[in-house]
Amino acid sequence: MALAKQTDVIIVGAGPAGITAAIQLKRFGIPYLLIEENRVGGLLWNANLVENYPGFPTGVSGPKLVGLFEKQMKHNAVEVIFEKVVCAGRSNELFVVETQSGTYLANFLVIASGTKAMPFPIFVSDEMKGHVFSDVAHLLDVTRRHIVIVGSGDAAYDHALNLVRNENCVTILNRGQDVKCLPLLVERARLQPAIKYRDEITISRVELDRTGRLVIYCRTRPSVEQIHADDLIFAIGREAQQDYFSGNLREKESELTSACKLYFIGDVRNGLMRQTAIATGDGLRAAMQIDHMLKDKKP
């Protein structure tokens, strides 16, 4: 069995928060490991336009911002371990992070693992999984398709505006009447003929027809109807991604956070305030606090 690798800091997640923390730790000369399951950038891959991140007067697309982050990481020699974290715990005054291929130890643990989509509210068969999604990143290159989006928040409208750029048609379904989205996104969607909005409509089940398209069965106030579509996105909310926490880490979470040894940064801790600028600030603050902690320990 290979020996566990030990470092000062482990960062779980390479979204904006984790990237910023890693860059700042690198500047301080503090040894760290940045572990990411999928790809750098997190939910920025879904963002049609980030308009409140300083330095971009006309906004910047999420994928373009990720590309700039990657260039900055390369410039600062920030490396990423692409492995899935299966368990994070605490043992002998050290954090123990296990991945599918190794074990890592650290004095500080930074949780930047973001969020996960809420479960699909309906049964989705294996045959339909290539057509039913929780985000838009899988569909950014498709063209001339009819895509149904369930939800009425910022994500639903941002996904719709993203998709119509490639000549797709989008139908937004809202189970109620209240729209929880930024008014400016709603107005932009209204100006797009390819985006249709319907409220008081709920999906009851989804099937595949003989051609491989989706048949979406919906309940509306007067009746039941069918909507035919190529793809379906559920933009119905997200929750913190902490499935890999061990029992003893959950028990000691408050104590370790108060002691400035365990940090939660970015979307994993920010609830509805999931913004790139907030996440990067979180990452910078965590790295600076760790630097202060290490300096205080020196004789």
Protein backbone atom coordinates (compact mmCIF):
# COMPACT_ATOMS: atom_id res chain seq x y z
CA MET A 1 0.00 0.00 0.00
CA ALA A 2 1.33 3.44 -0.97
CA LEU A 3 2.10 5.87 1.85
CA ALA A 4 -0.32 8.73 2.35
CA LYS A 5 0.94 12.05 1.02
CA GLN A 6 0.99 14.85 3.62
CA THR A 7 0.80 18.58 2.99
CA ASP A 8 -0.22 21.72 4.85
CA VAL A 9 -3.54 22.35 3.10
CA ILE A 10 -5.97 20.29 1.07
CA ILE A 11 -8.55 22.10 -1.06
CA VAL A 12 -11.51 20.02 -2.27
CA GLY A 13 -12.99 21.55 -5.40
CA ALA A 14 -11.54 23.67 -8.23
CA GLY A 15 -14.31 26.15 -8.83
CA PRO A 16 -13.69 29.91 -8.45
CA ALA A 17 -13.31 29.63 -4.66
CA GLY A 18 -10.88 26.71 -4.71
CA ILE A 19 -8.85 28.20 -7.55
CA THR A 20 -8.47 31.53 -5.72
CA ALA A 21 -7.44 29.81 -2.50
CA ALA A 22 -4.83 27.74 -4.36
CA ILE A 23 -3.38 30.77 -6.18
CA GLN A 24 -3.04 32.71 -2.94
CA LEU A 25 -1.49 29.76 -1.07
CA LYS A 26 0.99 29.42 -3.92
CA ARG A 27 1.90 33.08 -3.53
CA PHE A 28 2.48 32.55 0.18
CA GLY A 29 4.65 29.49 -0.51
CA ILE A 30 2.35 27.28 1.54
CA PRO A 31 2.26 23.63 0.39
CA TYR A 32 -1.22 22.51 -0.68
CA LEU A 33 -3.10 20.02 -2.82
CA LEU A 34 -6.05 21.03 -5.00
CA ILE A 35 -8.35 18.08 -5.71
CA GLU A 36 -11.16 18.20 -8.28
CA GLU A 37 -13.46 15.42 -9.48
CA ASN A 38 -14.39 16.74 -12.92
CA ARG A 39 -13.02 19.88 -14.52
CA VAL A 40 -11.86 23.27 -13.36
CA GLY A 41 -14.51 25.98 -13.20
CA GLY A 42 -17.51 24.48 -11.43
CA LEU A 43 -20.88 25.94 -12.35
CA LEU A 44 -19.31 28.73 -14.39
CA TRP A 45 -19.56 26.35 -17.33
CA ASN A 46 -23.33 26.92 -17.18
CA ALA A 47 -23.20 30.71 -17.03
CA ASN A 48 -24.42 32.52 -20.12
CA LEU A 49 -23.13 35.90 -18.94
CA VAL A 50 -21.44 36.94 -15.69
CA GLU A 51 -22.22 40.64 -15.37
CA ASN A 52 -21.23 41.44 -11.78
CA TYR A 53 -17.62 40.23 -11.76
CA PRO A 54 -15.30 43.27 -11.60
CA GLY A 55 -13.08 43.98 -14.57
CA PHE A 56 -15.53 43.07 -17.33
CA PRO A 57 -17.60 46.16 -18.19
CA THR A 58 -19.88 44.31 -20.63
CA GLY A 59 -19.87 41.00 -18.78
CA VAL A 60 -18.09 37.76 -19.61
CA SER A 61 -19.38 34.30 -20.44
CA GLY A 62 -18.83 31.62 -17.84
CA PRO A 63 -16.66 29.38 -20.07
CA LYS A 64 -14.50 32.35 -21.11
CA LEU A 65 -13.96 33.29 -17.45
CA VAL A 66 -12.97 29.69 -16.71
CA GLY A 67 -10.43 29.89 -19.53
CA LEU A 68 -8.92 33.02 -17.97
CA PHE A 69 -8.79 31.31 -14.57
CA GLU A 70 -6.95 28.39 -16.17
CA LYS A 71 -4.41 30.74 -17.74
CA GLN A 72 -3.80 32.36 -14.36
CA MET A 73 -3.39 28.94 -12.76
CA LYS A 74 -0.85 27.96 -15.39
CA HIS A 75 1.01 31.24 -14.94
CA ASN A 76 1.23 30.57 -11.18
CA ALA A 77 2.05 26.86 -11.64
CA VAL A 78 -1.11 25.81 -9.80
CA GLU A 79 -1.67 22.12 -10.39
CA VAL A 80 -4.84 20.07 -9.92
CA ILE A 81 -5.25 16.45 -8.86
CA PHE A 82 -8.22 15.15 -10.85
CA GLU A 83 -9.67 12.53 -8.54
CA LYS A 84 -13.00 12.00 -6.82
CA VAL A 85 -12.96 12.49 -3.06
CA VAL A 86 -14.81 9.58 -1.48
CA CYS A 87 -14.21 10.43 2.18
CA ALA A 88 -12.90 13.32 4.28
CA GLY A 89 -12.31 12.74 7.97
CA ARG A 90 -10.15 13.52 10.97
CA SER A 91 -7.51 11.33 12.61
CA ASN A 92 -4.60 12.04 14.97
CA GLU A 93 -4.98 15.82 14.66
CA LEU A 94 -4.81 15.62 10.87
CA PHE A 95 -7.41 15.75 8.11
CA VAL A 96 -7.57 12.56 6.09
CA VAL A 97 -8.87 12.83 2.54
CA GLU A 98 -9.39 9.64 0.58
CA THR A 99 -9.87 9.57 -3.16
CA GLN A 100 -10.49 6.68 -5.52
CA SER A 101 -6.74 6.20 -5.91
CA GLY A 102 -4.99 7.60 -2.85
CA THR A 103 -4.99 9.02 0.66
CA TYR A 104 -3.86 12.53 1.58
CA LEU A 105 -3.18 14.15 4.96
CA ALA A 106 -3.21 17.83 5.87
CA ASN A 107 -3.21 20.25 8.78
CA PHE A 108 -5.91 22.40 7.17
CA LEU A 109 -8.88 21.42 5.04
CA VAL A 110 -10.66 23.83 2.68
CA ILE A 111 -14.06 22.69 1.42
CA ALA A 112 -14.83 24.23 -1.97
CA SER A 113 -16.89 21.37 -3.40
CA GLY A 114 -19.82 23.57 -4.36
CA THR A 115 -23.32 22.24 -4.75
CA LYS A 116 -25.19 19.35 -6.29
CA ALA A 117 -28.50 19.49 -8.11
CA MET A 118 -31.66 18.50 -6.32
CA PRO A 119 -32.87 15.01 -7.34
CA PHE A 120 -35.13 14.72 -10.36
CA PRO A 121 -38.74 14.94 -9.16
CA ILE A 122 -39.77 12.19 -11.60
CA PHE A 123 -38.44 8.79 -12.59
CA VAL A 124 -35.80 9.01 -15.35
CA SER A 125 -34.93 5.71 -17.03
CA ASP A 126 -31.42 4.88 -18.19
CA GLU A 127 -32.53 5.38 -21.80
CA MET A 128 -33.58 8.95 -21.04
CA LYS A 129 -30.45 10.03 -19.14
CA GLY A 130 -28.87 11.33 -22.32
CA HIS A 131 -31.79 13.74 -22.68
CA VAL A 132 -32.55 14.80 -19.09
CA PHE A 133 -30.11 17.04 -17.20
CA SER A 134 -29.66 19.23 -14.13
CA ASP A 135 -27.65 21.93 -15.91
CA VAL A 136 -27.04 23.32 -19.36
CA ALA A 137 -23.34 22.53 -19.81
CA HIS A 138 -24.09 19.29 -21.68
CA LEU A 139 -26.18 21.13 -24.28
CA LEU A 140 -24.10 24.19 -25.10
CA ASP A 141 -23.13 22.83 -28.53
CA VAL A 142 -26.52 21.53 -29.68
CA THR A 143 -28.47 23.40 -32.35
CA ARG A 144 -32.05 23.56 -33.59
CA ARG A 145 -33.52 21.50 -30.78
CA HIS A 146 -36.55 22.02 -28.59
CA ILE A 147 -35.48 22.08 -24.96
CA VAL A 148 -37.81 22.25 -21.97
CA ILE A 149 -36.53 23.86 -18.77
CA VAL A 150 -38.32 23.35 -15.47
CA GLY A 151 -37.87 26.20 -13.00
CA SER A 152 -38.44 29.93 -12.62
CA GLY A 153 -35.21 31.18 -11.06
CA ASP A 154 -32.08 32.83 -12.43
CA ALA A 155 -30.63 29.49 -13.55
CA ALA A 156 -33.66 28.57 -15.65
CA TYR A 157 -33.70 31.88 -17.49
CA ASP A 158 -29.92 32.03 -17.87
CA HIS A 159 -29.97 28.51 -19.36
CA ALA A 160 -32.71 29.55 -21.79
CA LEU A 161 -30.84 32.65 -22.96
CA ASN A 162 -27.71 30.54 -23.38
CA LEU A 163 -29.46 27.92 -25.50
CA VAL A 164 -31.28 30.20 -27.94
CA ARG A 165 -27.95 31.58 -29.16
CA ASN A 166 -27.58 28.31 -31.12
CA GLU A 167 -31.00 28.49 -32.78
CA ASN A 168 -32.67 26.26 -30.21
CA CYS A 169 -36.26 26.73 -29.06
CA VAL A 170 -36.84 26.75 -25.31
CA THR A 171 -39.98 26.33 -23.22
CA ILE A 172 -39.76 27.34 -19.55
CA LEU A 173 -42.23 25.58 -17.26
CA ASN A 174 -43.14 27.04 -13.87
CA ARG A 175 -45.28 24.96 -11.53
CA GLY A 176 -46.58 28.13 -9.85
CA GLN A 177 -47.14 31.72 -10.89
CA ASP A 178 -44.32 33.51 -9.07
CA VAL A 179 -41.15 34.05 -11.09
CA LYS A 180 -38.08 34.08 -8.82
CA CYS A 181 -35.70 35.39 -11.46
CA LEU A 182 -33.95 38.73 -11.84
CA PRO A 183 -36.31 41.06 -13.72
CA LEU A 184 -33.63 41.92 -16.29
CA LEU A 185 -33.28 38.25 -17.26
CA VAL A 186 -37.05 37.90 -17.55
CA GLU A 187 -37.17 40.94 -19.82
CA ARG A 188 -34.38 39.58 -22.00
CA ALA A 189 -36.21 36.28 -22.32
CA ARG A 190 -39.42 38.07 -23.30
CA LEU A 191 -37.57 39.69 -26.18
CA GLN A 192 -36.55 36.29 -27.53
CA PRO A 193 -39.25 34.76 -29.77
CA ALA A 194 -37.61 31.36 -29.35
CA ILE A 195 -38.28 31.35 -25.59
CA LYS A 196 -41.77 30.51 -24.37
CA TYR A 197 -42.92 30.69 -20.76
CA ARG A 198 -45.79 28.80 -19.15
CA ASP A 199 -46.91 28.78 -15.54
CA GLU A 200 -49.11 26.56 -13.38
CA ILE A 201 -47.87 23.47 -15.15
CA THR A 202 -46.30 20.39 -13.55
CA ILE A 203 -44.55 17.42 -15.12
CA SER A 204 -46.03 14.08 -14.06
CA ARG A 205 -43.89 11.71 -16.15
CA VAL A 206 -41.57 11.53 -19.13
CA GLU A 207 -41.20 8.87 -21.80
CA LEU A 208 -39.26 8.32 -25.01
CA ASP A 209 -41.15 7.98 -28.25
CA ARG A 210 -40.15 5.71 -31.14
CA THR A 211 -37.92 8.39 -32.65
CA GLY A 212 -35.97 8.92 -29.42
CA ARG A 213 -37.59 12.24 -28.53
CA LEU A 214 -39.07 12.99 -25.15
CA VAL A 215 -42.77 12.97 -24.48
CA ILE A 216 -43.38 15.11 -21.40
CA TYR A 217 -46.74 14.54 -19.70
CA CYS A 218 -47.89 17.65 -17.86
CA ARG A 219 -50.71 18.56 -15.52
CA THR A 220 -52.25 21.95 -16.11
CA ARG A 221 -55.24 23.58 -14.45
CA PRO A 222 -57.81 22.55 -17.07
CA SER A 223 -56.37 19.24 -18.24
CA VAL A 224 -53.42 16.97 -18.98
CA GLU A 225 -51.27 17.54 -22.03
CA GLN A 226 -48.16 16.28 -23.77
CA ILE A 227 -45.13 18.31 -24.76
CA HIS A 228 -42.66 16.86 -27.24
CA ALA A 229 -39.03 17.90 -26.80
CA ASP A 230 -35.50 16.82 -27.55
CA ASP A 231 -34.09 17.54 -24.09
CA LEU A 232 -35.23 18.43 -20.59
CA ILE A 233 -33.42 20.43 -17.90
CA PHE A 234 -34.52 20.57 -14.26
CA ALA A 235 -33.35 23.91 -12.83
CA ILE A 236 -35.14 23.38 -9.52
CA GLY A 237 -32.46 24.21 -6.99
CA ARG A 238 -29.19 22.97 -5.54
CA GLU A 239 -27.83 21.92 -2.16
CA ALA A 240 -24.37 21.83 -0.57
CA GLN A 241 -22.14 18.96 -1.73
CA GLN A 242 -20.81 17.34 1.44
CA ASP A 243 -21.69 13.69 0.85
CA TYR A 244 -18.08 12.63 1.37
CA PHE A 245 -17.87 13.89 4.98
CA SER A 246 -17.16 11.16 7.53
CA GLY A 247 -19.17 10.97 10.73
CA ASN A 248 -16.33 12.21 12.93
CA LEU A 249 -15.73 15.22 10.67
CA ARG A 250 -19.39 16.18 10.88
CA GLU A 251 -19.24 15.88 14.67
CA LYS A 252 -16.18 18.11 14.91
CA GLU A 253 -17.19 20.52 12.15
CA SER A 254 -18.10 23.45 14.41
CA GLU A 255 -15.05 22.98 16.64
CA LEU A 256 -12.63 22.77 13.70
CA THR A 257 -14.19 25.75 11.94
CA SER A 258 -13.91 27.87 15.08
CA ALA A 259 -10.27 26.82 15.42
CA CYS A 260 -9.61 28.02 11.83
CA LYS A 261 -8.53 24.58 10.70
CA LEU A 262 -11.58 23.75 8.58
CA TYR A 263 -12.92 26.22 6.01
CA PHE A 264 -16.04 26.31 3.84
CA ILE A 265 -15.75 28.59 0.83
CA GLY A 266 -17.84 29.40 -2.22
CA ASP A 267 -21.19 27.89 -3.10
CA VAL A 268 -20.93 25.09 -0.55
CA ARG A 269 -21.58 27.67 2.18
CA ASN A 270 -23.31 30.58 0.50
CA GLY A 271 -26.85 29.31 0.01
CA LEU A 272 -28.73 31.54 -2.42
CA MET A 273 -25.75 33.90 -2.67
CA ARG A 274 -23.97 31.77 -5.24
CA GLN A 275 -21.91 34.41 -7.01
CA THR A 276 -18.43 34.14 -8.52
CA ALA A 277 -17.22 37.35 -6.87
CA ILE A 278 -18.31 36.11 -3.44
CA ALA A 279 -16.67 32.72 -4.02
CA THR A 280 -13.33 34.22 -5.01
CA GLY A 281 -13.42 36.47 -1.95
CA ASP A 282 -14.08 33.45 0.24
CA GLY A 283 -11.08 31.64 -1.26
CA LEU A 284 -8.76 34.59 -0.76
CA ARG A 285 -9.87 35.07 2.84
CA ALA A 286 -9.37 31.39 3.70
CA ALA A 287 -5.84 31.36 2.26
CA MET A 288 -4.91 34.52 4.16
CA GLN A 289 -6.32 33.15 7.42
CA ILE A 290 -4.32 29.95 6.97
CA ASP A 291 -1.18 32.03 6.38
CA HIS A 292 -1.81 33.94 9.61
CA MET A 293 -2.39 30.69 11.50
CA LEU A 294 0.91 29.24 10.29
CA LYS A 295 2.82 32.43 11.10
CA ASP A 296 1.37 32.47 14.63
CA LYS A 297 2.72 28.92 15.21
CA LYS A 298 6.28 29.89 14.32
CA PRO A 299 8.58 30.59 17.28
